[in-house]
Protein backbone atom coordinates (compact mmCIF):
# COMPACT_ATOMS: atom_id res chain seq x y z
CA MET A 1 4.29 -33.58 -3.58
CA LEU A 2 4.69 -30.57 -5.89
CA LEU A 3 5.50 -32.91 -8.75
CA ALA A 4 2.62 -35.19 -7.84
CA TRP A 5 0.16 -32.29 -7.96
CA LEU A 6 1.53 -31.06 -11.28
CA GLU A 7 1.64 -34.50 -12.88
CA ASP A 8 -1.89 -35.28 -11.73
CA GLY A 9 -3.15 -32.01 -13.20
CA ALA A 10 -1.29 -32.56 -16.48
CA ALA A 11 -2.72 -36.08 -16.79
CA ARG A 12 -6.34 -35.27 -15.85
CA LEU A 13 -6.66 -31.65 -16.98
CA PRO A 14 -4.03 -31.14 -19.67
CA ASP A 15 -5.85 -28.37 -21.55
CA LYS A 16 -7.23 -26.57 -18.52
CA ALA A 17 -5.61 -23.23 -17.65
CA LEU A 18 -3.54 -23.39 -14.47
CA VAL A 19 -2.63 -19.68 -14.57
CA HIS A 20 -4.16 -16.91 -16.65
CA GLY A 21 -2.14 -13.68 -16.71
CA ILE A 22 -4.76 -10.93 -16.92
CA ASP A 23 -2.46 -8.06 -17.95
CA ARG A 24 -1.04 -9.81 -21.03
CA GLY A 25 -4.05 -11.99 -21.74
CA ARG A 26 -1.98 -15.20 -21.80
CA ALA A 27 -2.65 -18.51 -20.05
CA ILE A 28 -0.56 -21.58 -19.36
CA THR A 29 -2.30 -24.93 -19.12
CA TYR A 30 -1.52 -27.74 -16.72
CA ALA A 31 0.23 -29.62 -19.55
CA GLY A 32 2.08 -26.47 -20.58
CA MET A 33 3.29 -25.86 -17.02
CA HIS A 34 4.38 -29.50 -16.80
CA ASP A 35 6.51 -29.00 -19.90
CA MET A 36 7.97 -25.67 -18.76
CA VAL A 37 8.82 -26.98 -15.30
CA GLY A 38 10.83 -29.71 -17.01
CA ARG A 39 12.62 -27.10 -19.11
CA VAL A 40 13.51 -25.05 -16.03
CA GLY A 41 14.84 -28.22 -14.42
CA ALA A 42 16.97 -29.00 -17.48
CA ALA A 43 18.41 -25.47 -17.50
CA LEU A 44 19.31 -25.68 -13.81
CA ARG A 45 20.77 -29.16 -14.18
CA ALA A 46 22.94 -27.95 -17.05
CA ARG A 47 24.38 -25.38 -14.64
CA GLY A 48 25.08 -28.05 -12.03
CA LEU A 49 22.45 -26.71 -9.61
CA GLY A 50 20.74 -28.99 -7.13
CA ALA A 51 19.48 -29.16 -3.56
CA ASN A 52 19.89 -25.91 -1.59
CA ASP A 53 21.52 -24.08 -4.52
CA ARG A 54 19.88 -20.67 -4.79
CA VAL A 55 18.10 -19.04 -7.71
CA ALA A 56 17.16 -15.40 -7.12
CA LEU A 57 14.01 -14.14 -8.84
CA LEU A 58 13.47 -10.38 -9.13
CA SER A 59 10.09 -10.08 -10.78
CA GLY A 60 6.58 -8.76 -10.41
CA ASN A 61 3.42 -10.77 -11.00
CA ALA A 62 3.87 -12.55 -14.33
CA LEU A 63 3.48 -16.03 -15.81
CA GLU A 64 7.27 -16.24 -16.07
CA HIS A 65 7.58 -15.64 -12.33
CA LEU A 66 5.38 -18.62 -11.46
CA ILE A 67 7.02 -20.89 -14.05
CA VAL A 68 10.47 -20.25 -12.58
CA TYR A 69 9.14 -20.41 -9.01
CA LEU A 70 7.56 -23.83 -9.50
CA GLY A 71 10.24 -25.15 -11.84
CA THR A 72 13.08 -24.36 -9.45
CA MET A 73 11.41 -26.10 -6.53
CA CYS A 74 10.34 -29.11 -8.60
CA HIS A 75 14.01 -29.47 -9.55
CA GLY A 76 14.83 -29.44 -5.83
CA ALA A 77 16.76 -26.17 -5.75
CA THR A 78 15.95 -23.09 -3.63
CA ILE A 79 13.92 -20.25 -5.14
CA CYS A 80 14.58 -16.80 -3.63
CA THR A 81 11.77 -14.36 -4.40
CA VAL A 82 12.57 -10.72 -3.66
CA GLN A 83 10.06 -7.87 -3.91
CA ALA A 84 12.45 -5.53 -5.72
CA ASP A 85 10.34 -2.36 -5.48
CA THR A 86 9.88 -2.59 -1.73
CA ASN A 87 13.47 -3.68 -1.03
CA ARG A 88 15.28 -1.69 -3.73
CA ALA A 89 17.44 0.19 -1.19
CA HIS A 90 18.63 -3.13 0.22
CA LEU A 91 19.05 -5.19 -2.97
CA ASP A 92 22.86 -5.08 -2.90
CA GLU A 93 23.08 -6.55 0.60
CA ILE A 94 20.22 -9.00 -0.05
CA LEU A 95 21.98 -10.42 -3.10
CA ARG A 96 25.29 -10.62 -1.26
CA ALA A 97 23.65 -12.59 1.56
CA LEU A 98 21.80 -14.88 -0.86
CA ASP A 99 24.89 -15.40 -3.02
CA PRO A 100 22.70 -17.00 -5.72
CA ALA A 101 24.19 -19.14 -8.45
CA LEU A 102 21.68 -17.58 -10.85
CA THR A 103 19.71 -14.32 -10.69
CA LEU A 104 16.80 -13.74 -13.07
CA HIS A 105 15.45 -10.20 -13.29
CA GLU A 106 12.44 -8.74 -15.05
CA ASP A 107 13.48 -5.99 -17.49
CA GLU A 108 10.56 -3.78 -16.43
CA LEU A 109 12.15 -3.31 -13.00
CA GLY A 110 15.22 -1.55 -14.39
CA LEU A 111 17.80 -3.46 -12.37
CA GLY A 112 20.49 -3.71 -15.03
CA ASP A 113 22.89 -1.59 -12.97
CA LEU A 114 23.26 -4.48 -10.52
CA ALA A 115 24.56 -6.86 -13.18
CA GLY A 116 28.21 -5.97 -12.62
CA THR A 117 28.07 -6.29 -8.85
CA ALA A 118 25.63 -9.14 -8.18
CA PRO A 119 27.16 -12.55 -7.41
CA GLY A 120 26.69 -15.49 -9.75
CA GLU A 121 25.15 -15.55 -13.21
CA TRP A 122 22.89 -12.59 -14.02
CA GLN A 123 20.20 -13.00 -16.71
CA PRO A 124 17.14 -11.10 -17.89
CA LEU A 125 14.03 -13.18 -17.25
CA GLY A 126 12.53 -12.60 -20.68
CA ARG A 127 9.03 -13.64 -21.70
CA TRP A 128 7.13 -16.83 -22.31
CA ASP A 129 4.72 -16.59 -25.20
CA GLY A 130 3.68 -20.19 -25.58
CA GLY A 131 6.60 -21.27 -27.76
CA ALA A 132 9.25 -18.61 -28.16
CA GLY A 133 10.82 -16.09 -25.84
CA GLU A 134 13.83 -14.00 -24.95
CA GLY A 135 16.38 -13.93 -22.14
CA PHE A 136 16.19 -16.98 -19.88
CA PHE A 137 12.97 -17.98 -21.58
CA ALA A 138 14.69 -18.03 -24.98
CA GLU A 139 17.02 -20.64 -23.51
CA LEU A 140 14.08 -22.62 -22.17
CA ALA A 141 12.27 -22.51 -25.53
CA GLN A 142 15.30 -23.97 -27.30
CA GLY A 143 16.31 -26.43 -24.58
CA PRO A 144 15.01 -29.87 -23.58
CA SER A 145 12.33 -30.70 -21.07
CA ALA A 146 14.18 -32.92 -18.61
CA PRO A 147 12.70 -36.00 -16.95
CA ARG A 148 11.16 -35.17 -13.59
CA THR A 149 13.00 -36.34 -10.51
CA PRO A 150 11.69 -36.64 -6.96
CA LEU A 151 12.16 -33.69 -4.66
CA ASN A 152 15.11 -33.72 -2.35
CA ALA A 153 14.72 -34.24 1.39
CA TYR A 154 11.86 -32.32 2.99
CA GLY A 155 14.41 -30.66 5.26
CA ASP A 156 16.05 -28.97 2.26
CA VAL A 157 15.27 -25.30 1.71
CA ALA A 158 12.47 -24.74 -0.80
CA SER A 159 12.35 -20.96 -0.72
CA ILE A 160 13.78 -17.82 0.82
CA PHE A 161 11.69 -14.67 0.64
CA TYR A 162 12.02 -11.26 2.22
CA THR A 163 9.70 -9.44 4.58
CA SER A 164 8.61 -5.95 3.60
CA GLY A 165 11.02 -4.39 6.10
CA THR A 166 8.70 -1.62 7.29
CA ALA A 167 9.99 -1.44 10.86
CA SER A 168 13.59 -2.43 10.13
CA LYS A 169 15.71 -3.98 7.41
CA PRO A 170 13.94 -6.73 5.47
CA LYS A 171 14.56 -10.24 6.79
CA GLY A 172 15.11 -13.29 4.62
CA VAL A 173 12.66 -15.97 5.80
CA VAL A 174 13.91 -19.52 5.24
CA CYS A 175 11.24 -22.09 4.36
CA THR A 176 11.88 -25.81 3.93
CA PHE A 177 9.93 -28.07 1.60
CA ALA A 178 8.20 -29.59 4.64
CA GLU A 179 7.16 -26.18 5.99
CA LEU A 180 5.87 -25.03 2.61
CA LEU A 181 4.06 -28.16 1.51
CA GLU A 182 2.32 -28.93 4.79
CA ASN A 183 0.76 -25.44 4.64
CA VAL A 184 -0.84 -25.83 1.21
CA GLU A 185 -3.68 -28.32 1.63
CA PRO A 186 -4.90 -27.08 5.06
CA THR A 187 -5.04 -23.58 3.55
CA ALA A 188 -6.94 -24.79 0.48
CA ASP A 189 -9.34 -26.65 2.78
CA ALA A 190 -9.90 -23.64 5.04
CA PHE A 191 -10.75 -21.40 2.07
CA GLY A 192 -12.77 -24.17 0.41
CA ILE A 193 -10.76 -24.20 -2.83
CA GLY A 194 -11.89 -26.94 -5.23
CA GLU A 195 -11.37 -27.99 -8.86
CA ASP A 196 -14.20 -25.79 -10.12
CA ASP A 197 -12.81 -22.62 -8.60
CA ARG A 198 -11.37 -19.67 -10.50
CA VAL A 199 -9.29 -17.65 -8.07
CA LEU A 200 -8.40 -13.99 -8.67
CA ASP A 201 -5.35 -12.49 -6.97
CA PHE A 202 -3.37 -9.28 -7.43
CA ARG A 203 -1.12 -9.61 -4.36
CA SER A 204 2.62 -10.07 -4.81
CA TYR A 205 3.87 -13.58 -5.60
CA ASN A 206 7.15 -12.70 -3.93
CA TRP A 207 5.51 -13.56 -0.61
CA MET A 208 4.24 -16.85 0.77
CA SER A 209 0.68 -15.62 1.26
CA ALA A 210 -0.23 -15.44 -2.43
CA GLN A 211 2.12 -18.29 -3.36
CA VAL A 212 0.25 -20.74 -1.12
CA LEU A 213 -3.35 -19.54 -1.26
CA SER A 214 -3.85 -18.76 -4.91
CA PHE A 215 -1.12 -20.67 -6.77
CA LEU A 216 -0.08 -23.82 -4.91
CA GLY A 217 -3.59 -24.27 -3.49
CA PRO A 218 -5.23 -24.24 -6.94
CA LEU A 219 -2.40 -26.45 -8.26
CA ALA A 220 -3.13 -29.04 -5.55
CA ARG A 221 -6.88 -28.88 -6.21
CA GLY A 222 -6.93 -28.62 -10.03
CA ALA A 223 -8.32 -25.05 -10.00
CA THR A 224 -7.31 -21.98 -12.04
CA LEU A 225 -5.55 -18.80 -10.94
CA TYR A 226 -6.31 -15.47 -12.62
CA MET A 227 -3.38 -13.23 -11.78
CA ALA A 228 -3.27 -9.45 -12.07
CA ARG A 229 -0.12 -7.39 -11.97
CA ARG A 230 -1.55 -5.16 -9.23
CA PHE A 231 -4.86 -4.03 -7.75
CA SER A 232 -7.10 -1.82 -9.90
CA GLN A 233 -10.15 -0.37 -8.23
CA SER A 234 -11.80 0.45 -11.54
CA ARG A 235 -11.22 -3.03 -13.03
CA TYR A 236 -11.47 -5.35 -10.01
CA PHE A 237 -15.17 -6.15 -10.40
CA ASP A 238 -14.81 -6.24 -14.19
CA TRP A 239 -12.22 -9.01 -13.81
CA ILE A 240 -14.56 -10.93 -11.52
CA ARG A 241 -17.40 -10.63 -14.04
CA GLU A 242 -15.35 -11.29 -17.19
CA PHE A 243 -13.57 -14.40 -15.92
CA GLY A 244 -16.37 -15.86 -13.82
CA ILE A 245 -14.26 -15.60 -10.68
CA THR A 246 -15.49 -17.69 -7.75
CA VAL A 247 -12.98 -16.61 -5.07
CA ALA A 248 -11.38 -13.15 -5.22
CA ALA A 249 -8.41 -12.36 -3.01
CA CYS A 250 -8.33 -8.92 -1.46
CA ASN A 251 -6.92 -6.99 1.51
CA PRO A 252 -8.16 -4.30 3.93
CA THR A 253 -6.65 -1.42 1.94
CA ALA A 254 -8.44 -2.41 -1.26
CA ILE A 255 -11.69 -3.09 0.61
CA ASN A 256 -11.48 0.36 2.18
CA MET A 257 -10.94 1.91 -1.27
CA LEU A 258 -13.98 0.10 -2.65
CA VAL A 259 -16.08 1.33 0.29
CA ASN A 260 -14.97 4.94 0.10
CA ARG A 261 -15.12 5.18 -3.71
CA PRO A 262 -18.06 2.89 -4.53
CA ILE A 263 -18.38 0.99 -7.80
CA PRO A 264 -21.96 0.48 -9.09
CA VAL A 265 -22.08 -3.30 -8.77
CA SER A 266 -23.65 -5.85 -6.42
CA GLY A 267 -23.34 -9.52 -5.66
CA ALA A 268 -26.36 -10.17 -7.87
CA ASP A 269 -24.30 -8.94 -10.84
CA LEU A 270 -21.58 -11.50 -10.08
CA PRO A 271 -23.41 -14.83 -9.77
CA HIS A 272 -20.26 -16.95 -9.88
CA LEU A 273 -18.55 -15.14 -6.99
CA ARG A 274 -18.66 -17.10 -3.73
CA TYR A 275 -16.80 -14.55 -1.59
CA ILE A 276 -13.78 -12.31 -1.41
CA THR A 277 -10.92 -12.87 1.01
CA SER A 278 -9.22 -10.39 3.30
CA SER A 279 -5.76 -10.90 4.77
CA SER A 280 -2.36 -9.20 5.29
CA ALA A 281 -3.86 -7.16 8.16
CA ALA A 282 -6.92 -7.33 10.37
CA LEU A 283 -10.03 -6.01 8.64
CA MET A 284 -11.88 -3.53 10.83
CA VAL A 285 -15.39 -4.80 11.61
CA ALA A 286 -16.85 -1.45 10.56
CA ASP A 287 -15.21 -1.72 7.13
CA TRP A 288 -16.29 -5.36 6.85
CA LYS A 289 -19.94 -4.49 7.56
CA ALA A 290 -19.85 -1.43 5.31
CA PHE A 291 -18.53 -3.47 2.36
CA GLU A 292 -21.12 -6.22 2.73
CA GLU A 293 -23.98 -3.74 3.14
CA MET A 294 -22.81 -1.77 0.09
CA TYR A 295 -22.13 -4.68 -2.29
CA GLY A 296 -23.97 -7.71 -0.88
CA ILE A 297 -20.79 -9.80 -1.28
CA PRO A 298 -19.55 -12.01 1.58
CA VAL A 299 -16.08 -11.39 3.01
CA ALA A 300 -14.05 -14.22 4.58
CA GLN A 301 -10.87 -13.50 6.50
CA GLY A 302 -7.65 -15.46 6.96
CA CYS A 303 -4.27 -14.77 8.50
CA GLY A 304 -0.68 -15.93 8.55
CA THR A 305 2.89 -14.79 9.00
CA SER A 306 5.97 -14.85 6.81
CA GLU A 307 7.66 -17.27 9.21
CA THR A 308 4.79 -19.75 9.60
CA GLY A 309 2.70 -19.48 6.44
CA TRP A 310 -1.08 -19.42 6.68
CA ILE A 311 -2.37 -19.92 10.22
CA ALA A 312 -6.13 -19.76 9.72
CA GLY A 313 -8.73 -19.18 7.05
CA SER A 314 -12.43 -19.27 6.29
CA ASN A 315 -14.87 -19.30 3.42
CA GLU A 316 -18.45 -18.21 2.78
CA ARG A 317 -19.80 -21.16 4.81
CA THR A 318 -17.42 -21.01 7.79
CA ARG A 319 -16.75 -17.28 8.19
CA ARG A 320 -17.61 -15.41 11.36
CA MET A 321 -17.73 -11.61 11.60
CA GLY A 322 -14.50 -10.24 13.07
CA SER A 323 -12.71 -13.59 13.02
CA VAL A 324 -9.91 -14.84 10.75
CA GLY A 325 -11.33 -18.37 10.96
CA ARG A 326 -10.33 -21.52 12.78
CA PRO A 327 -6.56 -22.14 13.03
CA HIS A 328 -5.03 -24.98 11.03
CA ALA A 329 -4.88 -27.94 13.41
CA TYR A 330 -1.27 -28.81 12.61
CA GLN A 331 -0.09 -25.33 13.64
CA ASN A 332 -0.96 -26.12 17.30
CA LEU A 333 -1.96 -22.53 18.04
CA THR A 334 -2.37 -21.36 21.63
CA ILE A 335 -3.18 -18.03 23.27
CA VAL A 336 -0.75 -17.39 26.13
CA ASP A 337 -0.06 -14.78 28.79
CA GLU A 338 3.28 -13.00 29.24
CA ALA A 339 4.68 -15.99 31.14
CA GLY A 340 3.66 -18.41 28.38
CA ASN A 341 0.70 -19.95 30.22
CA PRO A 342 -2.31 -20.93 28.08
CA LEU A 343 -5.33 -18.66 28.45
CA PRO A 344 -8.98 -19.75 28.38
CA ALA A 345 -11.41 -18.90 25.59
CA GLY A 346 -12.24 -15.21 25.35
CA GLU A 347 -9.09 -13.89 27.04
CA ILE A 348 -6.68 -11.80 24.97
CA GLY A 349 -3.05 -12.82 24.91
CA ALA A 350 -0.10 -13.51 22.64
CA ILE A 351 -0.61 -15.87 19.69
CA GLU A 352 1.90 -18.71 19.96
CA MET A 353 2.34 -21.72 17.74
CA GLY A 354 4.66 -24.53 16.80
CA ARG A 355 4.24 -27.40 14.36
CA HIS A 356 6.80 -29.77 15.83
CA PRO A 357 8.97 -29.69 18.99
CA ASP A 358 12.16 -29.61 16.92
CA ASN A 359 10.91 -27.15 14.29
CA GLU A 360 13.27 -24.21 13.74
CA PHE A 361 12.17 -20.75 12.64
CA ARG A 362 15.10 -19.42 10.62
CA TYR A 363 16.27 -16.27 8.87
CA LEU A 364 19.08 -15.77 6.40
CA ALA A 365 22.15 -14.25 8.07
CA GLU A 366 24.27 -11.55 6.42
CA ASP A 367 26.98 -14.12 5.68
CA GLY A 368 24.50 -16.33 3.81
CA GLY A 369 24.10 -18.89 6.59
CA TYR A 370 20.97 -19.63 8.54
CA ARG A 371 20.15 -17.98 11.88
CA VAL A 372 17.71 -19.76 14.18
CA ASN A 373 15.26 -17.25 15.61
CA SER A 374 13.38 -19.75 17.78
CA LYS A 375 12.86 -23.50 18.09
CA GLY A 376 9.78 -25.55 18.85
CA ARG A 377 7.25 -22.79 19.47
CA ALA A 378 7.23 -19.14 18.47
CA ARG A 379 5.03 -16.10 18.98
CA THR A 380 3.69 -14.38 15.89
CA GLY A 381 3.82 -10.88 17.38
CA ASP A 382 0.01 -10.65 17.25
CA LEU A 383 -2.45 -10.41 20.12
CA GLY A 384 -5.78 -12.16 20.00
CA TYR A 385 -8.18 -14.67 21.49
CA LEU A 386 -10.06 -17.85 20.66
CA ASP A 387 -13.81 -18.01 21.18
CA ALA A 388 -15.62 -21.01 22.61
CA ASP A 389 -15.95 -22.54 19.13
CA GLY A 390 -12.23 -22.23 18.36
CA TYR A 391 -12.45 -19.20 16.06
CA LEU A 392 -9.44 -16.90 16.18
CA TYR A 393 -9.81 -13.12 16.60
CA ILE A 394 -6.80 -10.84 16.19
CA THR A 395 -6.92 -7.69 18.30
CA GLY A 396 -3.64 -6.10 17.19
CA ARG A 397 0.12 -6.30 17.09
CA ALA A 398 1.95 -6.71 20.38
CA ARG A 399 4.33 -3.93 19.38
CA ASP A 400 1.35 -1.61 18.71
CA LEU A 401 -0.15 -2.18 22.16
CA ILE A 402 -0.53 1.13 24.03
CA ILE A 403 0.35 1.04 27.73
CA ARG A 404 -1.05 4.14 29.45
CA GLY A 405 -0.38 4.29 33.16
CA GLY A 406 -0.06 0.51 33.32
CA ILE A 407 -3.31 -0.12 31.43
CA ASN A 408 -3.08 -2.11 28.18
CA ILE A 409 -5.03 -0.56 25.31
CA ALA A 410 -5.54 -2.29 21.96
CA PRO A 411 -5.47 0.34 19.17
CA THR A 412 -8.00 -1.57 17.07
CA GLU A 413 -10.64 -1.20 19.80
CA ILE A 414 -10.51 2.57 19.35
CA ASP A 415 -10.13 2.30 15.56
CA ASN A 416 -13.38 0.32 15.36
CA LEU A 417 -15.21 2.78 17.60
CA VAL A 418 -14.15 5.83 15.57
CA LEU A 419 -14.99 4.06 12.31
CA GLN A 420 -18.60 3.79 13.49
CA MET A 421 -18.95 7.54 12.97
CA PRO A 422 -20.70 8.20 9.61
CA GLY A 423 -18.17 10.79 8.47
CA VAL A 424 -15.05 8.67 9.08
CA ALA A 425 -13.33 6.88 6.18
CA GLU A 426 -10.23 5.62 8.02
CA ALA A 427 -8.84 5.66 11.54
CA ALA A 428 -5.59 4.60 13.18
CA THR A 429 -4.82 4.84 16.89
CA VAL A 430 -1.27 5.06 18.25
CA GLY A 431 0.50 5.53 21.56
CA VAL A 432 2.74 8.60 21.80
CA PRO A 433 5.25 9.49 24.55
CA ASP A 434 3.85 11.11 27.69
CA ARG A 435 5.81 12.30 30.74
CA ILE A 436 3.19 11.25 33.28
CA TYR A 437 1.53 8.13 31.88
CA GLY A 438 4.37 6.76 29.75
CA GLU A 439 2.11 6.76 26.68
CA GLU A 440 -0.92 8.76 25.68
CA VAL A 441 -3.61 7.83 23.15
CA VAL A 442 -3.86 9.69 19.83
CA VAL A 443 -6.15 8.80 16.93
CA TYR A 444 -5.51 9.78 13.32
CA VAL A 445 -8.62 10.23 11.17
CA VAL A 446 -9.42 10.48 7.47
CA ALA A 447 -12.82 12.09 6.91
CA ARG A 448 -15.15 11.21 4.07
CA PRO A 449 -15.60 13.90 1.40
CA ASP A 450 -17.92 16.70 2.53
CA ALA A 451 -18.22 15.22 6.04
CA ALA A 452 -18.97 17.75 8.79
CA LEU A 453 -16.42 16.38 11.19
CA ASP A 454 -13.87 17.91 13.54
CA GLU A 455 -11.65 16.92 16.46
CA ALA A 456 -14.25 17.82 19.07
CA ALA A 457 -16.82 15.49 17.50
CA VAL A 458 -14.39 12.56 17.40
CA LEU A 459 -13.27 13.05 21.01
CA ALA A 460 -16.88 13.39 22.19
CA HIS A 461 -17.80 10.16 20.41
CA CYS A 462 -14.93 8.34 22.14
CA GLU A 463 -15.80 9.89 25.52
CA SER A 464 -19.34 8.51 25.27
CA ALA A 465 -18.16 4.91 24.85
CA LEU A 466 -14.72 4.53 26.45
CA PRO A 467 -13.44 4.63 30.01
CA HIS A 468 -11.28 7.63 30.80
CA ALA A 469 -7.95 5.79 30.46
CA LYS A 470 -8.69 4.70 26.87
CA ARG A 471 -10.00 8.01 25.54
CA PRO A 472 -7.80 9.67 22.89
CA LYS A 473 -6.10 12.87 23.97
CA GLU A 474 -6.01 14.13 20.38
CA ALA A 475 -7.78 13.45 17.08
CA ILE A 476 -5.57 14.47 14.17
CA PHE A 477 -7.03 14.73 10.67
CA ARG A 478 -5.12 13.62 7.58
CA GLU A 479 -6.00 13.26 3.90
CA SER A 480 -4.72 9.67 3.95
CA LEU A 481 -3.03 7.23 6.31
CA PRO A 482 0.34 5.57 5.61
CA LYS A 483 0.30 1.91 4.59
CA THR A 484 3.00 -0.68 4.08
CA GLU A 485 3.56 -2.45 0.75
CA ARG A 486 1.28 -5.23 1.98
CA GLY A 487 -1.54 -2.90 2.92
CA LYS A 488 -0.98 -2.84 6.68
CA MET A 489 -1.45 0.36 8.63
CA ASP A 490 1.98 1.90 9.26
CA ARG A 491 1.48 3.07 12.85
CA ASN A 492 5.22 3.58 13.31
CA ALA A 493 5.13 6.30 10.65
CA LEU A 494 2.30 8.05 12.48
CA VAL A 495 4.16 7.98 15.80
CA GLU A 496 7.24 9.42 14.09
CA GLU A 497 5.11 12.10 12.45
CA TRP A 498 3.69 13.03 15.85
CA ARG A 499 7.20 13.25 17.37
CA GLU A 500 8.45 15.45 14.54
CA SER A 501 5.45 17.76 14.75
CA ARG A 502 6.05 18.27 18.50
CA GLN A 503 9.75 18.92 17.98
CA THR A 504 8.91 21.47 15.28
CA ALA A 505 6.37 23.15 17.54
CA ALA A 506 8.86 23.26 20.41
CA GLY A 507 11.54 24.79 18.15
CA ALA A 508 9.14 27.47 16.98
């Protein structure tokens, strides 16, 4: 199917840009990608690599990254994308577990010290400049473009990529061709991606979220991706204006930055823009409303997991405030109680899903083999509910749930309440140890500049709207709140900070 999408694009839209790299101002057309994918295939074939042989790719967002990513899979081998910055402390063990036949690394990441210890062939990635290059791309420029061959069996492994490892060591998620490809078109449909779209994304292409939504989705639909190396608050709207962007990917952290440090622009200044997306973490309703009121630009949410790909999505026509959209039908999503029994619409429970009864959710083991985490159905680790129309709402992570005296408290409920206060920029609620109740509620707050806000005001606001059991015991002010690489609130770090502060106080 990957080859079919690429060949169709090269035949119908040969001179149309498939990917435009914003930072270097270079674009590769559908015909150009078709040629380069063949060259990657020839280079891998010359090394004797085929189905399930692993190619490790240590690179940031760049045209070269996507050429190797697509070329490796179109050849039928396994591409292993590793976010080197996030996982730098674990790169040795990651590479040992992957045991790749070939590792390609971007020079800018400064990973040359691993060359003597990494398994397999180790090569600098080099650069593609439309005809010449250096490193691996020098080889591709001089080599042949091999005939395309059909993909191997759908059960073969298409990709292995690593989670951000915020709560523990990063895990290598194993994704077959079937699991990857069946996620692409439902995701493109949910977000309404069509041939006329120009999609902007700055999120890392080492993870499935950006790979599917803004690269493989546009490839399948004949659209164009505009890729930035990373988010820039000062340039984000300029990119949208300059390139006539129709769909702009975003996340809650960037949206919060744009709300708290406004840019003088409105939707009327960006007539091509249909909407911006939000994913990677639940977008607080208060932030959602504040952004739309400030800029007049629609926001549409979606969600997914590393293990399952995209689960749900929406666009400017189907979005619903607070919801991540309707789940993809093939994911067979259900909301269940602790015993696994389905819950009716409106009731909060665990989000469970499973494409096929024999589907296996797998991770890469330390010895390089595959470890089955679950089979058939699996829980995502999120809590949420479906409304009467089938829209999915995520209320938080199961591991973040606060249990105070036997009462379940969703942190996001309190986050949203505190964010309604005019002087609050950010809020994060956590459960901390308590001798009597097991856990007690604490909210961390970032105040807006010059806001007249203190702990008493925050606690009084919560007292006016929450039952006694859910009211925070403390409101702690910070200049900023910790986030993961993917923009999610790092509540574990806040709990650890609270523990350390109490130990310090006790020692004093």
